[in-house]
C-alpha atoms as a PDB file:
ATOM      1  CA  PRO A   1     -26.886 -26.380 -12.526  1.00  0.00           C
ATOM      2  CA  PRO A   2     -28.335 -26.877  -9.007  1.00  0.00           C
ATOM      3  CA  MET A   3     -26.153 -25.091  -6.155  1.00  0.00           C
ATOM      4  CA  PRO A   4     -24.053 -27.702  -4.288  1.00  0.00           C
ATOM      5  CA  ARG A   5     -24.317 -28.502  -0.591  1.00  0.00           C
ATOM      6  CA  PRO A   6     -22.358 -26.465   1.747  1.00  0.00           C
ATOM      7  CA  ARG A   7     -19.296 -28.197   2.692  1.00  0.00           C
ATOM      8  CA  THR A   8     -16.758 -27.602   5.450  1.00  0.00           C
ATOM      9  CA  VAL A   9     -13.083 -28.922   5.311  1.00  0.00           C
ATOM     10  CA  ASN A  10     -11.204 -28.948   8.422  1.00  0.00           C
ATOM     11  CA  ASP A  11      -7.634 -29.239   8.532  1.00  0.00           C
ATOM     12  CA  ALA A  12      -5.763 -28.613  11.966  1.00  0.00           C
ATOM     13  CA  ALA A  13      -8.038 -25.575  12.983  1.00  0.00           C
ATOM     14  CA  LEU A  14      -8.804 -24.429   9.726  1.00  0.00           C
ATOM     15  CA  ALA A  15     -12.502 -24.650   8.836  1.00  0.00           C
ATOM     16  CA  VAL A  16     -13.901 -23.353   5.557  1.00  0.00           C
ATOM     17  CA  THR A  17     -17.945 -23.342   4.768  1.00  0.00           C
ATOM     18  CA  GLY A  18     -19.592 -22.199   1.498  1.00  0.00           C
ATOM     19  CA  HIS A  19     -20.910 -22.947  -1.836  1.00  0.00           C
ATOM     20  CA  LEU A  20     -18.929 -23.417  -5.340  1.00  0.00           C
ATOM     21  CA  THR A  21     -20.778 -23.298  -8.717  1.00  0.00           C
ATOM     22  CA  SER A  22     -19.208 -24.229 -12.029  1.00  0.00           C
ATOM     23  CA  ILE A  23     -21.141 -22.945 -15.136  1.00  0.00           C
ATOM     24  CA  PRO A  24     -20.040 -23.807 -18.702  1.00  0.00           C
ATOM     25  CA  VAL A  25     -19.592 -20.523 -20.848  1.00  0.00           C
ATOM     26  CA  ALA A  26     -18.101 -20.031 -24.088  1.00  0.00           C
ATOM     27  CA  GLN A  27     -14.396 -21.084 -24.204  1.00  0.00           C
ATOM     28  CA  GLY A  28     -14.693 -21.979 -20.551  1.00  0.00           C
ATOM     29  CA  ARG A  29     -16.365 -21.915 -17.391  1.00  0.00           C
ATOM     30  CA  ARG A  30     -17.608 -19.173 -14.801  1.00  0.00           C
ATOM     31  CA  VAL A  31     -16.802 -20.147 -11.402  1.00  0.00           C
ATOM     32  CA  LEU A  32     -18.832 -18.464  -8.318  1.00  0.00           C
ATOM     33  CA  ALA A  33     -17.846 -19.114  -5.141  1.00  0.00           C
ATOM     34  CA  ASP A  34     -19.045 -17.910  -1.449  1.00  0.00           C
ATOM     35  CA  ALA A  35     -16.893 -19.191   1.557  1.00  0.00           C
ATOM     36  CA  THR A  36     -16.490 -18.682   5.285  1.00  0.00           C
ATOM     37  CA  PHE A  37     -12.911 -19.098   6.558  1.00  0.00           C
ATOM     38  CA  SER A  38     -12.493 -19.222  10.507  1.00  0.00           C
ATOM     39  CA  GLY A  39      -8.949 -20.045  12.451  1.00  0.00           C
ATOM     40  CA  GLY A  40      -5.942 -21.740  10.649  1.00  0.00           C
ATOM     41  CA  SER A  41      -3.685 -20.269   7.971  1.00  0.00           C
ATOM     42  CA  LEU A  42      -3.427 -20.010   4.418  1.00  0.00           C
ATOM     43  CA  HIS A  43      -0.364 -19.806   1.982  1.00  0.00           C
ATOM     44  CA  LEU A  44      -0.226 -18.569  -1.528  1.00  0.00           C
ATOM     45  CA  GLY A  45       3.407 -18.408  -2.551  1.00  0.00           C
ATOM     46  CA  THR A  46       5.167 -16.109  -0.186  1.00  0.00           C
ATOM     47  CA  LEU A  47       1.804 -14.863   1.163  1.00  0.00           C
ATOM     48  CA  HIS A  48       1.349 -16.300   4.417  1.00  0.00           C
ATOM     49  CA  ALA A  49      -2.002 -15.309   6.339  1.00  0.00           C
ATOM     50  CA  GLN A  50      -2.902 -16.325   9.940  1.00  0.00           C
ATOM     51  CA  LEU A  51      -6.543 -16.505   9.958  1.00  0.00           C
ATOM     52  CA  PRO A  52      -8.367 -15.291  13.053  1.00  0.00           C
ATOM     53  CA  ALA A  53     -11.029 -17.417  15.098  1.00  0.00           C
ATOM     54  CA  THR A  54     -13.766 -14.871  14.208  1.00  0.00           C
ATOM     55  CA  PRO A  55     -15.474 -15.619  10.736  1.00  0.00           C
ATOM     56  CA  LEU A  56     -14.339 -13.834   7.481  1.00  0.00           C
ATOM     57  CA  GLU A  57     -15.901 -14.058   4.178  1.00  0.00           C
ATOM     58  CA  THR A  58     -14.733 -14.339   0.995  1.00  0.00           C
ATOM     59  CA  ASN A  59     -16.477 -13.996  -2.593  1.00  0.00           C
ATOM     60  CA  LEU A  60     -15.468 -15.113  -6.065  1.00  0.00           C
ATOM     61  CA  ASP A  61     -16.642 -14.445  -9.826  1.00  0.00           C
ATOM     62  CA  ALA A  62     -14.125 -15.807 -12.241  1.00  0.00           C
ATOM     63  CA  ASN A  63     -14.219 -16.897 -15.872  1.00  0.00           C
ATOM     64  CA  VAL A  64     -11.593 -19.659 -16.666  1.00  0.00           C
ATOM     65  CA  ARG A  65     -11.084 -20.514 -20.279  1.00  0.00           C
ATOM     66  CA  GLY A  66      -9.845 -23.721 -21.663  1.00  0.00           C
ATOM     67  CA  ASP A  67      -6.292 -22.586 -21.698  1.00  0.00           C
ATOM     68  CA  GLY A  68      -6.072 -21.713 -18.265  1.00  0.00           C
ATOM     69  CA  HIS A  69      -6.335 -18.057 -18.447  1.00  0.00           C
ATOM     70  CA  TRP A  70      -8.411 -16.284 -15.440  1.00  0.00           C
ATOM     71  CA  ASP A  71     -10.428 -13.520 -15.851  1.00  0.00           C
ATOM     72  CA  ILE A  72     -11.273 -12.270 -12.220  1.00  0.00           C
ATOM     73  CA  ALA A  73     -14.358 -10.275 -12.577  1.00  0.00           C
ATOM     74  CA  ARG A  74     -14.582  -9.838  -8.314  1.00  0.00           C
ATOM     75  CA  PHE A  75     -12.607 -11.217  -5.587  1.00  0.00           C
ATOM     76  CA  GLY A  76     -13.927  -9.916  -2.042  1.00  0.00           C
ATOM     77  CA  TRP A  77     -12.357 -10.387   1.357  1.00  0.00           C
ATOM     78  CA  ARG A  78     -14.221  -9.071   4.488  1.00  0.00           C
ATOM     79  CA  ASP A  79     -12.160  -9.603   7.936  1.00  0.00           C
ATOM     80  CA  PRO A  80     -14.191  -7.278  10.073  1.00  0.00           C
ATOM     81  CA  GLN A  81     -11.393  -7.011  12.670  1.00  0.00           C
ATOM     82  CA  ALA A  82      -8.494  -6.431  10.433  1.00  0.00           C
ATOM     83  CA  LEU A  83      -8.941  -5.869   6.416  1.00  0.00           C
ATOM     84  CA  ALA A  84     -11.910  -5.441   3.885  1.00  0.00           C
ATOM     85  CA  PHE A  85     -10.968  -5.216   0.138  1.00  0.00           C
ATOM     86  CA  GLU A  86     -12.223  -5.611  -3.364  1.00  0.00           C
ATOM     87  CA  ALA A  87     -10.075  -7.021  -6.278  1.00  0.00           C
ATOM     88  CA  SER A  88     -10.133  -7.830  -9.790  1.00  0.00           C
ATOM     89  CA  GLY A  89      -7.739  -8.846 -12.434  1.00  0.00           C
ATOM     90  CA  GLU A  90      -6.048 -11.463 -15.118  1.00  0.00           C
ATOM     91  CA  LEU A  91      -4.066 -14.493 -14.695  1.00  0.00           C
ATOM     92  CA  ASP A  92      -2.206 -16.386 -17.086  1.00  0.00           C
ATOM     93  CA  PRO A  93      -0.446 -19.496 -15.108  1.00  0.00           C
ATOM     94  CA  SER A  94       1.616 -20.670 -18.261  1.00  0.00           C
ATOM     95  CA  ALA A  95       3.114 -17.148 -18.463  1.00  0.00           C
ATOM     96  CA  VAL A  96       6.575 -16.154 -17.162  1.00  0.00           C
ATOM     97  CA  ALA A  97       4.817 -13.341 -15.497  1.00  0.00           C
ATOM     98  CA  PRO A  98       1.553 -14.777 -14.672  1.00  0.00           C
ATOM     99  CA  LEU A  99      -0.089 -11.626 -13.337  1.00  0.00           C
ATOM    100  CA  LEU A 100      -1.352  -9.758 -16.226  1.00  0.00           C
ATOM    101  CA  ALA A 101      -3.591  -7.227 -14.420  1.00  0.00           C
ATOM    102  CA  LEU A 102      -4.702  -6.266 -11.028  1.00  0.00           C
ATOM    103  CA  SER A 103      -6.832  -3.679  -9.632  1.00  0.00           C
ATOM    104  CA  VAL A 104      -7.517  -3.552  -5.750  1.00  0.00           C
ATOM    105  CA  ARG A 105      -9.594  -1.350  -3.626  1.00  0.00           C
ATOM    106  CA  VAL A 106      -9.156  -1.770   0.287  1.00  0.00           C
ATOM    107  CA  ASP A 107     -12.204  -0.081   2.220  1.00  0.00           C
ATOM    108  CA  ARG A 108     -10.547  -0.465   5.352  1.00  0.00           C
ATOM    109  CA  ALA A 109      -7.074  -2.035   6.810  1.00  0.00           C
ATOM    110  CA  LEU A 110      -6.439  -1.646  10.725  1.00  0.00           C
ATOM    111  CA  CYS A 111      -2.784  -1.820  11.683  1.00  0.00           C
ATOM    112  CA  PRO A 112      -0.874  -3.550  13.122  1.00  0.00           C
ATOM    113  CA  LEU A 113      -3.339  -6.639  12.946  1.00  0.00           C
ATOM    114  CA  VAL A 114      -3.607  -6.161   9.306  1.00  0.00           C
ATOM    115  CA  THR A 115       0.164  -6.922   9.044  1.00  0.00           C
ATOM    116  CA  GLN A 116       0.406  -9.318  11.863  1.00  0.00           C
ATOM    117  CA  ARG A 117      -2.505 -11.341  10.189  1.00  0.00           C
ATOM    118  CA  TYR A 118      -1.740 -11.075   6.159  1.00  0.00           C
ATOM    119  CA  ALA A 119       1.654  -9.487   5.455  1.00  0.00           C
ATOM    120  CA  ARG A 120       4.228 -10.572   8.000  1.00  0.00           C
ATOM    121  CA  ASP A 121       5.869 -13.107   5.548  1.00  0.00           C
ATOM    122  CA  LEU A 122       5.390 -10.746   2.278  1.00  0.00           C
ATOM    123  CA  LEU A 123       7.159  -7.767   4.263  1.00  0.00           C
ATOM    124  CA  ALA A 124      10.037  -9.991   5.296  1.00  0.00           C
ATOM    125  CA  ALA A 125      10.601 -11.142   1.382  1.00  0.00           C
ATOM    126  CA  GLN A 126      10.981  -7.148   0.645  1.00  0.00           C
ATOM    127  CA  GLY A 127      13.319  -6.859   3.700  1.00  0.00           C
ATOM    128  CA  LEU A 128      10.713  -4.861   5.494  1.00  0.00           C
ATOM    129  CA  SER A 129      10.398  -7.460   8.359  1.00  0.00           C
ATOM    130  CA  LYS A 130      10.871  -4.472  11.065  1.00  0.00           C
ATOM    131  CA  LEU A 131       8.516  -2.112   9.196  1.00  0.00           C
ATOM    132  CA  ALA A 132       5.926  -0.925  11.905  1.00  0.00           C
ATOM    133  CA  LEU A 133       2.237   0.656  11.054  1.00  0.00           C
ATOM    134  CA  LYS A 134      -0.377   1.693  13.558  1.00  0.00           C
ATOM    135  CA  GLY A 135      -3.701   2.853  12.408  1.00  0.00           C
ATOM    136  CA  GLU A 136      -6.086   2.989   9.972  1.00  0.00           C
ATOM    137  CA  LEU A 137      -5.832   3.140   6.172  1.00  0.00           C
ATOM    138  CA  ALA A 138      -7.882   2.816   2.661  1.00  0.00           C
ATOM    139  CA  ALA A 139      -6.106   2.543  -0.355  1.00  0.00           C
ATOM    140  CA  GLU A 140      -6.290   1.802  -4.235  1.00  0.00           C
ATOM    141  CA  PHE A 141      -4.129   0.043  -6.763  1.00  0.00           C
ATOM    142  CA  ALA A 142      -3.424  -1.130  -9.936  1.00  0.00           C
ATOM    143  CA  LEU A 143      -1.005  -2.552 -12.174  1.00  0.00           C
ATOM    144  CA  ASN A 144      -0.668  -4.453 -15.459  1.00  0.00           C
ATOM    145  CA  GLU A 145       2.038  -5.856 -17.625  1.00  0.00           C
ATOM    146  CA  GLN A 146       3.550  -2.351 -17.931  1.00  0.00           C
ATOM    147  CA  GLY A 147       3.917  -2.029 -14.401  1.00  0.00           C
ATOM    148  CA  LEU A 148       2.449  -0.384 -11.426  1.00  0.00           C
ATOM    149  CA  GLN A 149      -0.163   2.425 -12.813  1.00  0.00           C
ATOM    150  CA  ARG A 150      -1.991   3.874  -9.974  1.00  0.00           C
ATOM    151  CA  VAL A 151      -1.338   4.186  -6.145  1.00  0.00           C
ATOM    152  CA  ALA A 152      -4.023   6.077  -3.842  1.00  0.00           C
ATOM    153  CA  ILE A 153      -3.915   6.042   0.054  1.00  0.00           C
ATOM    154  CA  THR A 154      -5.785   7.943   2.400  1.00  0.00           C
ATOM    155  CA  THR A 155      -5.657   7.621   6.553  1.00  0.00           C
ATOM    156  CA  PRO A 156      -7.019   9.416   9.221  1.00  0.00           C
ATOM    157  CA  ALA A 157      -4.298   8.723  11.325  1.00  0.00           C
ATOM    158  CA  LEU A 158      -1.337   6.420  10.976  1.00  0.00           C
ATOM    159  CA  ASP A 159       2.263   5.914  12.641  1.00  0.00           C
ATOM    160  CA  VAL A 160       4.721   4.728  10.422  1.00  0.00           C
ATOM    161  CA  ASP A 161       8.385   3.471  11.457  1.00  0.00           C
ATOM    162  CA  ASP A 162      10.599   1.505   9.037  1.00  0.00           C
ATOM    163  CA  GLY A 163      12.267  -0.321  12.343  1.00  0.00           C
ATOM    164  CA  ALA A 164      15.825   0.396  10.638  1.00  0.00           C
ATOM    165  CA  GLY A 165      16.146   4.025  11.974  1.00  0.00           C
ATOM    166  CA  LEU A 166      15.798   5.592   8.602  1.00  0.00           C
ATOM    167  CA  VAL A 167      12.417   7.094   8.310  1.00  0.00           C
ATOM    168  CA  ALA A 168       9.513   7.184  11.063  1.00  0.00           C
ATOM    169  CA  PHE A 169       6.087   9.592  11.043  1.00  0.00           C
ATOM    170  CA  THR A 170       3.731   9.918  13.657  1.00  0.00           C
ATOM    171  CA  GLY A 171       0.012  11.281  13.027  1.00  0.00           C
ATOM    172  CA  LEU A 172       0.100  11.030   9.163  1.00  0.00           C
ATOM    173  CA  ARG A 173      -3.251  12.267   7.765  1.00  0.00           C
ATOM    174  CA  GLY A 174      -4.594  12.821   4.518  1.00  0.00           C
ATOM    175  CA  GLY A 175      -3.087  10.655   1.615  1.00  0.00           C
ATOM    176  CA  ILE A 176      -1.431  10.561  -1.782  1.00  0.00           C
ATOM    177  CA  ASP A 177      -3.289   9.954  -5.523  1.00  0.00           C
ATOM    178  CA  TRP A 178      -0.687   8.818  -8.127  1.00  0.00           C
ATOM    179  CA  ALA A 179      -1.186   7.472 -11.696  1.00  0.00           C
ATOM    180  CA  ALA A 180       1.112   6.555 -14.262  1.00  0.00           C
ATOM    181  CA  ASN A 181      -0.831   8.468 -16.897  1.00  0.00           C
ATOM    182  CA  GLY A 182      -3.382  11.402 -16.707  1.00  0.00           C
ATOM    183  CA  GLU A 183      -4.320  13.725 -13.921  1.00  0.00           C
ATOM    184  CA  ARG A 184      -5.641  12.830 -10.540  1.00  0.00           C
ATOM    185  CA  PRO A 185      -7.188  15.211  -8.108  1.00  0.00           C
ATOM    186  CA  SER A 186      -4.870  17.077  -5.402  1.00  0.00           C
ATOM    187  CA  THR A 187      -4.824  15.602  -1.995  1.00  0.00           C
ATOM    188  CA  ASN A 188      -3.349  17.003   1.409  1.00  0.00           C
ATOM    189  CA  LEU A 189      -0.820  15.092   3.330  1.00  0.00           C
ATOM    190  CA  ALA A 190       0.016  16.212   6.697  1.00  0.00           C
ATOM    191  CA  TRP A 191       2.188  14.721   9.963  1.00  0.00           C
ATOM    192  CA  LYS A 192       2.439  15.645  13.567  1.00  0.00           C
ATOM    193  CA  ALA A 193       6.570  14.655  13.680  1.00  0.00           C
ATOM    194  CA  GLY A 194       8.860  12.981  11.695  1.00  0.00           C
ATOM    195  CA  ARG A 195      12.142  11.606  11.248  1.00  0.00           C
ATOM    196  CA  LEU A 196      14.706  10.886   8.401  1.00  0.00           C
ATOM    197  CA  GLU A 197      17.788   9.118  10.011  1.00  0.00           C
ATOM    198  CA  ASN A 198      18.846  11.417  12.900  1.00  0.00           C
ATOM    199  CA  VAL A 199      17.011  14.432  11.454  1.00  0.00           C
ATOM    200  CA  ALA A 200      13.771  15.344  13.186  1.00  0.00           C
ATOM    201  CA  LEU A 201      11.021  17.022  11.660  1.00  0.00           C
ATOM    202  CA  SER A 202       8.243  19.299  12.990  1.00  0.00           C
ATOM    203  CA  ALA A 203       4.346  19.023  12.111  1.00  0.00           C
ATOM    204  CA  ALA A 204       4.133  19.921   8.165  1.00  0.00           C
ATOM    205  CA  SER A 205       1.313  20.062   5.879  1.00  0.00           C
ATOM    206  CA  SER A 206       1.505  19.906   2.134  1.00  0.00           C
ATOM    207  CA  ARG A 207      -0.607  19.344  -0.901  1.00  0.00           C
ATOM    208  CA  TRP A 208       0.264  17.135  -3.853  1.00  0.00           C
ATOM    209  CA  GLN A 209      -0.880  15.984  -7.437  1.00  0.00           C
ATOM    210  CA  SER A 210      -0.138  13.762  -9.937  1.00  0.00           C
ATOM    211  CA  LYS A 211      -0.014  14.658 -13.545  1.00  0.00           C
ATOM    212  CA  GLY A 212       1.787  12.397 -16.505  1.00  0.00           C
ATOM    213  CA  GLY A 213       3.398  10.175 -14.085  1.00  0.00           C
ATOM    214  CA  ALA A 214       4.932  12.791 -11.819  1.00  0.00           C
ATOM    215  CA  LEU A 215       3.590  14.039  -8.462  1.00  0.00           C
ATOM    216  CA  ARG A 216       4.145  17.603  -7.989  1.00  0.00           C
ATOM    217  CA  LEU A 217       3.897  19.712  -4.822  1.00  0.00           C
ATOM    218  CA  LEU A 218       1.371  22.402  -5.023  1.00  0.00           C
ATOM    219  CA  GLY A 219       2.677  25.564  -3.248  1.00  0.00           C
ATOM    220  CA  SER A 220       5.283  25.000  -0.833  1.00  0.00           C
ATOM    221  CA  LEU A 221       5.960  22.828   2.406  1.00  0.00           C
ATOM    222  CA  ARG A 222       7.605  24.381   5.424  1.00  0.00           C
ATOM    223  CA  THR A 223       8.881  22.401   8.736  1.00  0.00           C
ATOM    224  CA  LYS A 224      11.157  23.184  11.417  1.00  0.00           C
ATOM    225  CA  LEU A 225      14.631  21.348  10.983  1.00  0.00           C
ATOM    226  CA  ILE A 226      17.861  21.228  13.345  1.00  0.00           C
ATOM    227  CA  GLY A 227      17.028  24.524  14.699  1.00  0.00           C
ATOM    228  CA  GLY A 228      15.854  26.309  11.882  1.00  0.00           C
ATOM    229  CA  THR A 229      13.576  25.982   9.259  1.00  0.00           C
ATOM    230  CA  LEU A 230      13.355  24.426   5.702  1.00  0.00           C
ATOM    231  CA  ALA A 231      10.919  25.452   2.966  1.00  0.00           C
ATOM    232  CA  LEU A 232      10.164  23.296  -0.193  1.00  0.00           C
ATOM    233  CA  SER A 233       8.743  24.456  -3.258  1.00  0.00           C
ATOM    234  CA  ASP A 234       8.634  23.915  -7.216  1.00  0.00           C
ATOM    235  CA  THR A 235       9.210  20.240  -5.933  1.00  0.00           C
ATOM    236  CA  THR A 236       8.485  17.335  -8.202  1.00  0.00           C
ATOM    237  CA  LEU A 237       9.072  13.678  -7.702  1.00  0.00           C
ATOM    238  CA  TYR A 238       9.031  10.973 -10.432  1.00  0.00           C
ATOM    239  CA  PRO A 239       8.058   7.474  -8.744  1.00  0.00           C
ATOM    240  CA  LEU A 240       8.730   5.412 -11.841  1.00  0.00           C
ATOM    241  CA  SER A 241      11.840   6.612 -13.124  1.00  0.00           C
ATOM    242  CA  LYS A 242      14.673   4.248 -13.129  1.00  0.00           C
ATOM    243  CA  GLN A 243      17.105   6.265 -14.928  1.00  0.00           C
ATOM    244  CA  GLY A 244      17.744  10.138 -14.683  1.00  0.00           C
ATOM    245  CA  GLU A 245      15.839  12.374 -12.784  1.00  0.00           C
ATOM    246  CA  ARG A 246      14.142  10.971  -9.928  1.00  0.00           C
ATOM    247  CA  ALA A 247      13.558  14.345  -8.061  1.00  0.00           C
ATOM    248  CA  ARG A 248      13.836  18.179  -8.563  1.00  0.00           C
ATOM    249  CA  SER A 249      12.956  21.040  -5.610  1.00  0.00           C
ATOM    250  CA  ARG A 250      13.877  24.358  -4.854  1.00  0.00           C
ATOM    251  CA  PHE A 251      14.914  24.736  -1.156  1.00  0.00           C
ATOM    252  CA  ALA A 252      15.175  27.590   1.443  1.00  0.00           C
ATOM    253  CA  LEU A 253      17.221  27.034   4.890  1.00  0.00           C
ATOM    254  CA  ASP A 254      17.084  29.586   7.488  1.00  0.00           C
ATOM    255  CA  GLY A 255      18.791  29.653  10.849  1.00  0.00           C
ATOM    256  CA  ILE A 256      20.117  25.798  10.516  1.00  0.00           C
ATOM    257  CA  GLY A 257      22.438  24.979  13.515  1.00  0.00           C
ATOM    258  CA  TYR A 258      24.338  21.571  13.933  1.00  0.00           C
ATOM    259  CA  ASP A 259      26.802  20.236  15.989  1.00  0.00           C
ATOM    260  CA  SER A 260      28.110  16.420  15.477  1.00  0.00           C
ATOM    261  CA  LYS A 261      28.736  14.538  18.793  1.00  0.00           C
ATOM    262  CA  ASP A 262      32.424  14.457  17.843  1.00  0.00           C
ATOM    263  CA  GLY A 263      32.383  17.875  16.764  1.00  0.00           C
ATOM    264  CA  THR A 264      34.100  17.522  13.704  1.00  0.00           C
ATOM    265  CA  ILE A 265      30.930  19.255  11.666  1.00  0.00           C
ATOM    266  CA  ALA A 266      29.082  22.436  13.397  1.00  0.00           C
ATOM    267  CA  ALA A 267      27.125  25.230  11.835  1.00  0.00           C
ATOM    268  CA  ALA A 268      25.102  28.363  13.365  1.00  0.00           C
ATOM    269  CA  LYS A 269      22.660  30.256  11.908  1.00  0.00           C
ATOM    270  CA  VAL A 270      22.928  29.156   8.486  1.00  0.00           C
ATOM    271  CA  LYS A 271      20.782  30.608   5.499  1.00  0.00           C
ATOM    272  CA  ALA A 272      21.025  28.894   1.981  1.00  0.00           C
ATOM    273  CA  ASN A 273      19.008  28.978  -1.118  1.00  0.00           C
ATOM    274  CA  GLY A 274      19.174  26.455  -4.051  1.00  0.00           C
END
């Protein structure tokens, strides 16, 4: 069928210009869309996006079956200032859990702009409204009806602060590549400084590998800790575990010293292995 004329829809500050094509196919229709957004905002459930005044581009290629099932071959989003990603997946609006499968590749995300524009309400819904991110990252993740299947995140430099005083890291670099099945290539993850509640962590570097759904530390991780040093080895994390073991590790403490503000807890030059 002939391509429709470009159309612009204005609603307050929102402007959308583009092409939409619907092609009959076996058991449904193929929908192709190319659009340019500028200004205004979009609401999709708990997701609220405050769009920039500068144009951003989106692309959609999907098959819509007669029963309403969506097979999304490609959905692209390119906001040059903050976020660029490609996604594919399956949706069944009539199902109890409509999202049957989703695969996303984030080519570039610049923080904090990306969280301010796209994730503020989503983070708030997860109790993470105070989460602060600063830096650049790329990511891949996938899920299906069985749950999360893969998460891969890489960054040249990222600062993270949960805003609740529990976890904070500066100068994160490298990444993690985890999958629920199979084996993934090993990755390096390092930081310049960290904090877990009131415990400060010095600069450290580590290497991790995902195998059979577990995330294993290759070699050891060493960091300065409350006046001494902490070394971890034979460390394994089980990200999807809901019952039983969540983590295991050997540890070695050397020269640890601590004195609580009220004086009820104190330690000096402590060594321990376990």
